[in-house]
């Protein structure tokens, strides 16, 4: 092959650290994990208070769980420089928000890997925590927060919906708390033959009020665009649809 096919080996690029504003400066491969020593590429010597230039004071380290390679957990040990302003005395650290959220224990690439592992590959939180070498609660909390930001808070996820399905689902198997959630599905792709169904939302409880409240919170233009609502024989869903989507056609879904 021509020499141009390959470039020099580069751990920074291989581990996708350049996307995080980091540069690899060392590595330690252990039996059960790989540790990559990194530094922040961009200097951050200007005072956030007065704007004067600061002088390096010392360094601290930040440990982040990164996406695993070959199912071997990868840990980033990031050296972060601290500066002190000669004018006002303010002390600050280099900005590492490109690498991770403040106080987060997972890098942005590690967080993305965890979310994709659960949503696309259907791995359990326990398996994701094992792959990242973090506690179950750490992985679960991080995935829930990222899922809400990337999926639930996406303003475009309701675009183009003309057919929806609604049904209840048992999600809690305990003696306390509501066992049911109302699940709303976008069936537009199934109806048009353009793609699969997709989850729009889940609302705690199964009642007319739960579905009616959810519909009432959607913009009027969105409700006017919904042409078909598929459901089971529960009259609460049908009544909520009639009140909030009077022009939509209600049908019995294929499962029922």
C-alpha atoms as a PDB file:
ATOM      1  CA  UNK A   1       0.000   0.000   0.000  1.00  0.00           C
ATOM      2  CA  UNK A   2       1.196   3.583  -0.567  1.00  0.00           C
ATOM      3  CA  UNK A   3       2.739   5.239   2.468  1.00  0.00           C
ATOM      4  CA  UNK A   4      -0.015   7.858   2.388  1.00  0.00           C
ATOM      5  CA  UNK A   5      -2.513   5.209   3.527  1.00  0.00           C
ATOM      6  CA  UNK A   6      -1.133   5.341   7.067  1.00  0.00           C
ATOM      7  CA  UNK A   7      -0.028   8.015   9.467  1.00  0.00           C
ATOM      8  CA  UNK A   8       2.264   7.767  12.461  1.00  0.00           C
ATOM      9  CA  UNK A   9       0.791   6.030  15.520  1.00  0.00           C
ATOM     10  CA  UNK A  10      -0.912   8.619  17.690  1.00  0.00           C
ATOM     11  CA  UNK A  11      -2.533   7.670  20.997  1.00  0.00           C
ATOM     12  CA  UNK A  12      -4.271  11.037  21.205  1.00  0.00           C
ATOM     13  CA  UNK A  13      -6.117  10.447  17.942  1.00  0.00           C
ATOM     14  CA  UNK A  14      -6.701   6.730  18.552  1.00  0.00           C
ATOM     15  CA  UNK A  15      -8.362   7.379  21.911  1.00  0.00           C
ATOM     16  CA  UNK A  16     -10.243  10.389  20.446  1.00  0.00           C
ATOM     17  CA  UNK A  17      -8.708  12.682  23.027  1.00  0.00           C
ATOM     18  CA  UNK A  18      -8.272  15.458  20.483  1.00  0.00           C
ATOM     19  CA  UNK A  19     -12.080  15.793  20.431  1.00  0.00           C
ATOM     20  CA  UNK A  20     -11.920  16.530  24.172  1.00  0.00           C
ATOM     21  CA  UNK A  21      -9.209  19.170  23.995  1.00  0.00           C
ATOM     22  CA  UNK A  22      -6.689  16.759  25.535  1.00  0.00           C
ATOM     23  CA  UNK A  23      -3.325  15.343  24.526  1.00  0.00           C
ATOM     24  CA  UNK A  24      -1.913  12.010  25.658  1.00  0.00           C
ATOM     25  CA  UNK A  25       1.466  12.255  27.359  1.00  0.00           C
ATOM     26  CA  UNK A  26       1.790   8.743  28.783  1.00  0.00           C
ATOM     27  CA  UNK A  27       0.122   5.379  29.194  1.00  0.00           C
ATOM     28  CA  UNK A  28       0.023   2.490  31.641  1.00  0.00           C
ATOM     29  CA  UNK A  29      -1.584  -0.757  30.526  1.00  0.00           C
ATOM     30  CA  UNK A  30      -2.627  -2.991  33.403  1.00  0.00           C
ATOM     31  CA  UNK A  31      -4.267  -6.390  33.388  1.00  0.00           C
ATOM     32  CA  UNK A  32      -7.748  -5.054  34.014  1.00  0.00           C
ATOM     33  CA  UNK A  33      -7.555  -1.477  32.679  1.00  0.00           C
ATOM     34  CA  UNK A  34      -5.600   1.056  30.656  1.00  0.00           C
ATOM     35  CA  UNK A  35      -4.630   4.421  32.130  1.00  0.00           C
ATOM     36  CA  UNK A  36      -3.786   7.353  29.860  1.00  0.00           C
ATOM     37  CA  UNK A  37      -2.025  10.400  31.269  1.00  0.00           C
ATOM     38  CA  UNK A  38      -3.240  13.581  29.546  1.00  0.00           C
ATOM     39  CA  UNK A  39      -2.803  17.300  29.598  1.00  0.00           C
ATOM     40  CA  UNK A  40      -5.153  20.094  28.560  1.00  0.00           C
ATOM     41  CA  UNK A  41      -4.024  21.437  25.194  1.00  0.00           C
ATOM     42  CA  UNK A  42      -5.325  25.006  25.315  1.00  0.00           C
ATOM     43  CA  UNK A  43      -3.749  27.394  27.845  1.00  0.00           C
ATOM     44  CA  UNK A  44      -6.167  29.325  30.007  1.00  0.00           C
ATOM     45  CA  UNK A  45      -3.995  32.047  31.543  1.00  0.00           C
ATOM     46  CA  UNK A  46      -6.413  35.003  31.436  1.00  0.00           C
ATOM     47  CA  UNK A  47      -8.155  35.920  34.691  1.00  0.00           C
ATOM     48  CA  UNK A  48     -11.925  35.344  34.699  1.00  0.00           C
ATOM     49  CA  UNK A  49     -12.432  38.332  37.032  1.00  0.00           C
ATOM     50  CA  UNK A  50     -10.257  41.189  35.818  1.00  0.00           C
ATOM     51  CA  UNK A  51      -8.933  39.875  32.503  1.00  0.00           C
ATOM     52  CA  UNK A  52      -5.264  40.223  33.424  1.00  0.00           C
ATOM     53  CA  UNK A  53      -2.764  37.513  32.567  1.00  0.00           C
ATOM     54  CA  UNK A  54      -2.079  35.007  35.310  1.00  0.00           C
ATOM     55  CA  UNK A  55       1.052  33.051  36.143  1.00  0.00           C
ATOM     56  CA  UNK A  56       1.157  29.244  36.539  1.00  0.00           C
ATOM     57  CA  UNK A  57       0.819  28.306  40.206  1.00  0.00           C
ATOM     58  CA  UNK A  58       0.652  24.517  40.367  1.00  0.00           C
ATOM     59  CA  UNK A  59      -1.198  21.561  38.863  1.00  0.00           C
ATOM     60  CA  UNK A  60      -3.973  19.243  39.969  1.00  0.00           C
ATOM     61  CA  UNK A  61      -5.249  16.024  38.424  1.00  0.00           C
ATOM     62  CA  UNK A  62      -8.736  15.073  37.298  1.00  0.00           C
ATOM     63  CA  UNK A  63      -9.641  11.390  36.826  1.00  0.00           C
ATOM     64  CA  UNK A  64     -12.245  10.522  34.176  1.00  0.00           C
ATOM     65  CA  UNK A  65     -13.663   7.216  32.997  1.00  0.00           C
ATOM     66  CA  UNK A  66     -13.274   7.059  29.206  1.00  0.00           C
ATOM     67  CA  UNK A  67     -14.785   4.833  26.537  1.00  0.00           C
ATOM     68  CA  UNK A  68     -13.303   1.315  26.788  1.00  0.00           C
ATOM     69  CA  UNK A  69     -11.247  -0.242  24.023  1.00  0.00           C
ATOM     70  CA  UNK A  70     -11.645  -3.979  23.546  1.00  0.00           C
ATOM     71  CA  UNK A  71     -13.847  -4.020  26.670  1.00  0.00           C
ATOM     72  CA  UNK A  72     -10.821  -2.980  28.721  1.00  0.00           C
ATOM     73  CA  UNK A  73     -11.808   0.015  30.896  1.00  0.00           C
ATOM     74  CA  UNK A  74      -9.866   3.157  30.035  1.00  0.00           C
ATOM     75  CA  UNK A  75      -9.156   5.835  32.628  1.00  0.00           C
ATOM     76  CA  UNK A  76      -7.906   9.338  31.857  1.00  0.00           C
ATOM     77  CA  UNK A  77      -5.682  11.063  34.380  1.00  0.00           C
ATOM     78  CA  UNK A  78      -5.763  14.684  33.276  1.00  0.00           C
ATOM     79  CA  UNK A  79      -3.171  17.168  34.512  1.00  0.00           C
ATOM     80  CA  UNK A  80      -4.862  20.540  34.953  1.00  0.00           C
ATOM     81  CA  UNK A  81      -2.778  23.662  35.449  1.00  0.00           C
ATOM     82  CA  UNK A  82      -3.828  26.277  37.997  1.00  0.00           C
ATOM     83  CA  UNK A  83      -3.110  29.969  37.520  1.00  0.00           C
ATOM     84  CA  UNK A  84      -2.953  32.936  39.861  1.00  0.00           C
ATOM     85  CA  UNK A  85      -3.720  36.462  38.726  1.00  0.00           C
ATOM     86  CA  UNK A  86      -0.909  38.892  39.544  1.00  0.00           C
ATOM     87  CA  UNK A  87      -3.403  41.780  39.662  1.00  0.00           C
ATOM     88  CA  UNK A  88      -6.358  40.583  41.769  1.00  0.00           C
ATOM     89  CA  UNK A  89      -4.996  37.342  43.208  1.00  0.00           C
ATOM     90  CA  UNK A  90      -7.784  35.182  41.773  1.00  0.00           C
ATOM     91  CA  UNK A  91      -6.883  31.489  41.313  1.00  0.00           C
ATOM     92  CA  UNK A  92      -8.486  29.316  38.632  1.00  0.00           C
ATOM     93  CA  UNK A  93      -7.968  26.077  36.756  1.00  0.00           C
ATOM     94  CA  UNK A  94      -7.685  25.388  33.065  1.00  0.00           C
ATOM     95  CA  UNK A  95     -11.057  24.920  31.433  1.00  0.00           C
ATOM     96  CA  UNK A  96     -11.835  21.203  31.016  1.00  0.00           C
ATOM     97  CA  UNK A  97     -15.473  21.484  29.927  1.00  0.00           C
ATOM     98  CA  UNK A  98     -14.564  20.171  26.471  1.00  0.00           C
ATOM     99  CA  UNK A  99     -13.485  16.926  28.151  1.00  0.00           C
ATOM    100  CA  UNK A 100     -16.303  16.539  30.683  1.00  0.00           C
ATOM    101  CA  UNK A 101     -19.057  18.347  32.512  1.00  0.00           C
ATOM    102  CA  UNK A 102     -18.018  20.068  35.756  1.00  0.00           C
ATOM    103  CA  UNK A 103     -17.661  17.519  38.585  1.00  0.00           C
ATOM    104  CA  UNK A 104     -18.468  14.670  36.186  1.00  0.00           C
ATOM    105  CA  UNK A 105     -16.671  11.344  36.537  1.00  0.00           C
ATOM    106  CA  UNK A 106     -17.080  10.323  32.886  1.00  0.00           C
ATOM    107  CA  UNK A 107     -15.480  11.951  29.884  1.00  0.00           C
ATOM    108  CA  UNK A 108     -17.812  13.115  27.134  1.00  0.00           C
ATOM    109  CA  UNK A 109     -16.718  10.195  24.954  1.00  0.00           C
ATOM    110  CA  UNK A 110     -17.229   7.782  27.837  1.00  0.00           C
ATOM    111  CA  UNK A 111     -20.687   9.224  28.444  1.00  0.00           C
ATOM    112  CA  UNK A 112     -21.590   8.931  24.779  1.00  0.00           C
ATOM    113  CA  UNK A 113     -20.380   5.318  24.744  1.00  0.00           C
ATOM    114  CA  UNK A 114     -22.513   4.516  27.792  1.00  0.00           C
ATOM    115  CA  UNK A 115     -25.649   6.057  26.280  1.00  0.00           C
ATOM    116  CA  UNK A 116     -25.190   4.239  22.962  1.00  0.00           C
ATOM    117  CA  UNK A 117     -24.473   0.951  24.767  1.00  0.00           C
ATOM    118  CA  UNK A 118     -27.821   1.131  26.581  1.00  0.00           C
ATOM    119  CA  UNK A 119     -30.006   2.649  23.841  1.00  0.00           C
ATOM    120  CA  UNK A 120     -28.569   0.967  20.742  1.00  0.00           C
ATOM    121  CA  UNK A 121     -26.887  -2.207  22.025  1.00  0.00           C
ATOM    122  CA  UNK A 122     -29.356  -2.858  24.858  1.00  0.00           C
ATOM    123  CA  UNK A 123     -26.694  -3.425  27.491  1.00  0.00           C
ATOM    124  CA  UNK A 124     -27.638  -3.230  31.150  1.00  0.00           C
ATOM    125  CA  UNK A 125     -26.405  -0.461  33.412  1.00  0.00           C
ATOM    126  CA  UNK A 126     -24.362  -3.078  35.271  1.00  0.00           C
ATOM    127  CA  UNK A 127     -22.509  -4.030  32.077  1.00  0.00           C
ATOM    128  CA  UNK A 128     -21.921  -0.383  31.207  1.00  0.00           C
ATOM    129  CA  UNK A 129     -20.573   0.299  34.697  1.00  0.00           C
ATOM    130  CA  UNK A 130     -18.268  -2.702  34.328  1.00  0.00           C
ATOM    131  CA  UNK A 131     -17.003  -1.453  30.966  1.00  0.00           C
ATOM    132  CA  UNK A 132     -16.245   1.966  32.424  1.00  0.00           C
ATOM    133  CA  UNK A 133     -14.938   0.627  35.772  1.00  0.00           C
ATOM    134  CA  UNK A 134     -17.262   2.895  37.757  1.00  0.00           C
ATOM    135  CA  UNK A 135     -19.960   2.291  40.342  1.00  0.00           C
ATOM    136  CA  UNK A 136     -23.474   1.360  39.194  1.00  0.00           C
ATOM    137  CA  UNK A 137     -24.942   4.603  40.554  1.00  0.00           C
ATOM    138  CA  UNK A 138     -22.276   6.652  38.772  1.00  0.00           C
ATOM    139  CA  UNK A 139     -23.081   5.079  35.412  1.00  0.00           C
ATOM    140  CA  UNK A 140     -26.855   5.174  35.951  1.00  0.00           C
ATOM    141  CA  UNK A 141     -26.988   8.825  37.026  1.00  0.00           C
ATOM    142  CA  UNK A 142     -24.721   9.919  34.175  1.00  0.00           C
ATOM    143  CA  UNK A 143     -26.726   8.037  31.528  1.00  0.00           C
ATOM    144  CA  UNK A 144     -30.058   9.365  32.804  1.00  0.00           C
ATOM    145  CA  UNK A 145     -28.777  12.954  32.753  1.00  0.00           C
ATOM    146  CA  UNK A 146     -27.243  12.595  29.282  1.00  0.00           C
ATOM    147  CA  UNK A 147     -30.321  10.819  27.941  1.00  0.00           C
ATOM    148  CA  UNK A 148     -32.515  13.644  29.155  1.00  0.00           C
ATOM    149  CA  UNK A 149     -30.237  16.245  27.593  1.00  0.00           C
ATOM    150  CA  UNK A 150     -29.661  14.496  24.267  1.00  0.00           C
ATOM    151  CA  UNK A 151     -33.000  12.753  23.751  1.00  0.00           C
ATOM    152  CA  UNK A 152     -35.809  14.082  25.934  1.00  0.00           C
ATOM    153  CA  UNK A 153     -34.817  17.754  25.739  1.00  0.00           C
ATOM    154  CA  UNK A 154     -34.294  17.609  21.956  1.00  0.00           C
ATOM    155  CA  UNK A 155     -36.797  20.150  20.585  1.00  0.00           C
ATOM    156  CA  UNK A 156     -36.933  18.370  17.231  1.00  0.00           C
ATOM    157  CA  UNK A 157     -38.039  14.981  18.487  1.00  0.00           C
ATOM    158  CA  UNK A 158     -41.732  15.845  18.044  1.00  0.00           C
ATOM    159  CA  UNK A 159     -41.341  17.118  14.479  1.00  0.00           C
ATOM    160  CA  UNK A 160     -43.303  15.465  11.701  1.00  0.00           C
ATOM    161  CA  UNK A 161     -45.594  13.360  13.898  1.00  0.00           C
ATOM    162  CA  UNK A 162     -48.939  12.539  12.260  1.00  0.00           C
ATOM    163  CA  UNK A 163     -49.787   9.213  13.917  1.00  0.00           C
ATOM    164  CA  UNK A 164     -49.290   8.213  17.536  1.00  0.00           C
ATOM    165  CA  UNK A 165     -49.962   5.164  19.667  1.00  0.00           C
ATOM    166  CA  UNK A 166     -50.734   5.125  23.380  1.00  0.00           C
ATOM    167  CA  UNK A 167     -50.758   2.248  25.868  1.00  0.00           C
ATOM    168  CA  UNK A 168     -49.941   1.535  29.490  1.00  0.00           C
ATOM    169  CA  UNK A 169     -46.909  -0.398  30.687  1.00  0.00           C
ATOM    170  CA  UNK A 170     -46.010  -1.947  34.046  1.00  0.00           C
ATOM    171  CA  UNK A 171     -42.616  -0.557  34.999  1.00  0.00           C
ATOM    172  CA  UNK A 172     -42.566  -0.810  38.797  1.00  0.00           C
ATOM    173  CA  UNK A 173     -42.774  -4.190  40.505  1.00  0.00           C
ATOM    174  CA  UNK A 174     -42.926  -3.044  44.111  1.00  0.00           C
ATOM    175  CA  UNK A 175     -45.691  -2.637  46.673  1.00  0.00           C
ATOM    176  CA  UNK A 176     -45.321   1.142  46.825  1.00  0.00           C
ATOM    177  CA  UNK A 177     -45.663   3.710  44.074  1.00  0.00           C
ATOM    178  CA  UNK A 178     -47.654   3.725  40.856  1.00  0.00           C
ATOM    179  CA  UNK A 179     -46.863   0.574  38.869  1.00  0.00           C
ATOM    180  CA  UNK A 180     -47.952   1.957  35.513  1.00  0.00           C
ATOM    181  CA  UNK A 181     -46.729   4.481  32.978  1.00  0.00           C
ATOM    182  CA  UNK A 182     -48.543   5.772  29.910  1.00  0.00           C
ATOM    183  CA  UNK A 183     -46.348   5.223  26.847  1.00  0.00           C
ATOM    184  CA  UNK A 184     -46.713   7.439  23.760  1.00  0.00           C
ATOM    185  CA  UNK A 185     -45.198   6.169  20.509  1.00  0.00           C
ATOM    186  CA  UNK A 186     -44.683   7.897  17.154  1.00  0.00           C
ATOM    187  CA  UNK A 187     -46.198   5.588  14.533  1.00  0.00           C
ATOM    188  CA  UNK A 188     -45.704   7.924  11.575  1.00  0.00           C
ATOM    189  CA  UNK A 189     -42.892   5.846  10.082  1.00  0.00           C
ATOM    190  CA  UNK A 190     -44.925   2.637  10.370  1.00  0.00           C
ATOM    191  CA  UNK A 191     -47.965   4.255   8.791  1.00  0.00           C
ATOM    192  CA  UNK A 192     -46.008   5.789   5.909  1.00  0.00           C
ATOM    193  CA  UNK A 193     -43.660   2.840   5.466  1.00  0.00           C
ATOM    194  CA  UNK A 194     -40.619   5.073   5.972  1.00  0.00           C
ATOM    195  CA  UNK A 195     -39.166   3.632   9.160  1.00  0.00           C
ATOM    196  CA  UNK A 196     -39.775   2.080  12.554  1.00  0.00           C
ATOM    197  CA  UNK A 197     -41.853   3.421  15.429  1.00  0.00           C
ATOM    198  CA  UNK A 198     -40.078   5.512  18.026  1.00  0.00           C
ATOM    199  CA  UNK A 199     -40.689   6.404  21.649  1.00  0.00           C
ATOM    200  CA  UNK A 200     -41.952   9.927  22.253  1.00  0.00           C
ATOM    201  CA  UNK A 201     -42.540   9.941  25.987  1.00  0.00           C
ATOM    202  CA  UNK A 202     -43.568   8.043  29.106  1.00  0.00           C
ATOM    203  CA  UNK A 203     -45.895   9.577  31.694  1.00  0.00           C
ATOM    204  CA  UNK A 204     -46.334   8.173  35.173  1.00  0.00           C
ATOM    205  CA  UNK A 205     -49.765   6.660  35.755  1.00  0.00           C
ATOM    206  CA  UNK A 206     -52.421   5.256  33.426  1.00  0.00           C
ATOM    207  CA  UNK A 207     -55.501   7.428  33.256  1.00  0.00           C
ATOM    208  CA  UNK A 208     -57.399   9.855  31.116  1.00  0.00           C
ATOM    209  CA  UNK A 209     -55.803  12.716  33.062  1.00  0.00           C
ATOM    210  CA  UNK A 210     -52.245  11.474  32.427  1.00  0.00           C
ATOM    211  CA  UNK A 211     -52.702  11.300  28.649  1.00  0.00           C
ATOM    212  CA  UNK A 212     -54.887  14.433  28.440  1.00  0.00           C
ATOM    213  CA  UNK A 213     -52.320  16.492  30.393  1.00  0.00           C
ATOM    214  CA  UNK A 214     -49.524  15.293  28.123  1.00  0.00           C
ATOM    215  CA  UNK A 215     -51.493  16.226  25.007  1.00  0.00           C
ATOM    216  CA  UNK A 216     -52.449  19.609  26.460  1.00  0.00           C
ATOM    217  CA  UNK A 217     -48.763  20.470  26.908  1.00  0.00           C
ATOM    218  CA  UNK A 218     -48.060  19.987  23.187  1.00  0.00           C
ATOM    219  CA  UNK A 219     -48.297  23.058  20.913  1.00  0.00           C
ATOM    220  CA  UNK A 220     -51.606  23.533  19.124  1.00  0.00           C
ATOM    221  CA  UNK A 221     -49.926  23.224  15.728  1.00  0.00           C
ATOM    222  CA  UNK A 222     -48.525  19.834  16.746  1.00  0.00           C
ATOM    223  CA  UNK A 223     -51.929  18.602  17.928  1.00  0.00           C
ATOM    224  CA  UNK A 224     -53.565  19.780  14.713  1.00  0.00           C
ATOM    225  CA  UNK A 225     -51.078  17.710  12.690  1.00  0.00           C
ATOM    226  CA  UNK A 226     -51.911  14.414  14.445  1.00  0.00           C
ATOM    227  CA  UNK A 227     -54.317  12.503  12.199  1.00  0.00           C
ATOM    228  CA  UNK A 228     -54.465   9.051  13.830  1.00  0.00           C
ATOM    229  CA  UNK A 229     -54.272   7.803  17.421  1.00  0.00           C
ATOM    230  CA  UNK A 230     -53.959   4.037  17.977  1.00  0.00           C
ATOM    231  CA  UNK A 231     -54.872   2.596  21.378  1.00  0.00           C
ATOM    232  CA  UNK A 232     -56.426  -0.326  23.201  1.00  0.00           C
ATOM    233  CA  UNK A 233     -59.994  -0.420  24.481  1.00  0.00           C
ATOM    234  CA  UNK A 234     -59.386   1.816  27.519  1.00  0.00           C
ATOM    235  CA  UNK A 235     -62.022   4.540  27.413  1.00  0.00           C
ATOM    236  CA  UNK A 236     -59.809   7.028  29.277  1.00  0.00           C
ATOM    237  CA  UNK A 237     -57.360   7.280  26.375  1.00  0.00           C
ATOM    238  CA  UNK A 238     -60.222   7.589  23.883  1.00  0.00           C
ATOM    239  CA  UNK A 239     -61.902  10.364  25.862  1.00  0.00           C
ATOM    240  CA  UNK A 240     -58.642  12.285  26.271  1.00  0.00           C
ATOM    241  CA  UNK A 241     -58.056  12.030  22.523  1.00  0.00           C
ATOM    242  CA  UNK A 242     -61.547  13.258  21.713  1.00  0.00           C
ATOM    243  CA  UNK A 243     -61.109  16.288  23.959  1.00  0.00           C
ATOM    244  CA  UNK A 244     -57.584  17.287  22.949  1.00  0.00           C
ATOM    245  CA  UNK A 245     -57.415  15.958  19.355  1.00  0.00           C
ATOM    246  CA  UNK A 246     -60.992  16.295  18.102  1.00  0.00           C
ATOM    247  CA  UNK A 247     -60.033  15.942  14.431  1.00  0.00           C
ATOM    248  CA  UNK A 248     -57.886  12.818  14.896  1.00  0.00           C
ATOM    249  CA  UNK A 249     -59.186   9.363  14.006  1.00  0.00           C
ATOM    250  CA  UNK A 250     -59.016   6.828  16.853  1.00  0.00           C
ATOM    251  CA  UNK A 251     -58.306   3.215  15.924  1.00  0.00           C
ATOM    252  CA  UNK A 252     -57.692  -0.023  17.761  1.00  0.00           C
ATOM    253  CA  UNK A 253     -54.001  -0.854  17.596  1.00  0.00           C
ATOM    254  CA  UNK A 254     -53.010  -4.164  15.888  1.00  0.00           C
ATOM    255  CA  UNK A 255     -51.909  -5.805  19.144  1.00  0.00           C
ATOM    256  CA  UNK A 256     -55.375  -5.525  20.653  1.00  0.00           C
END
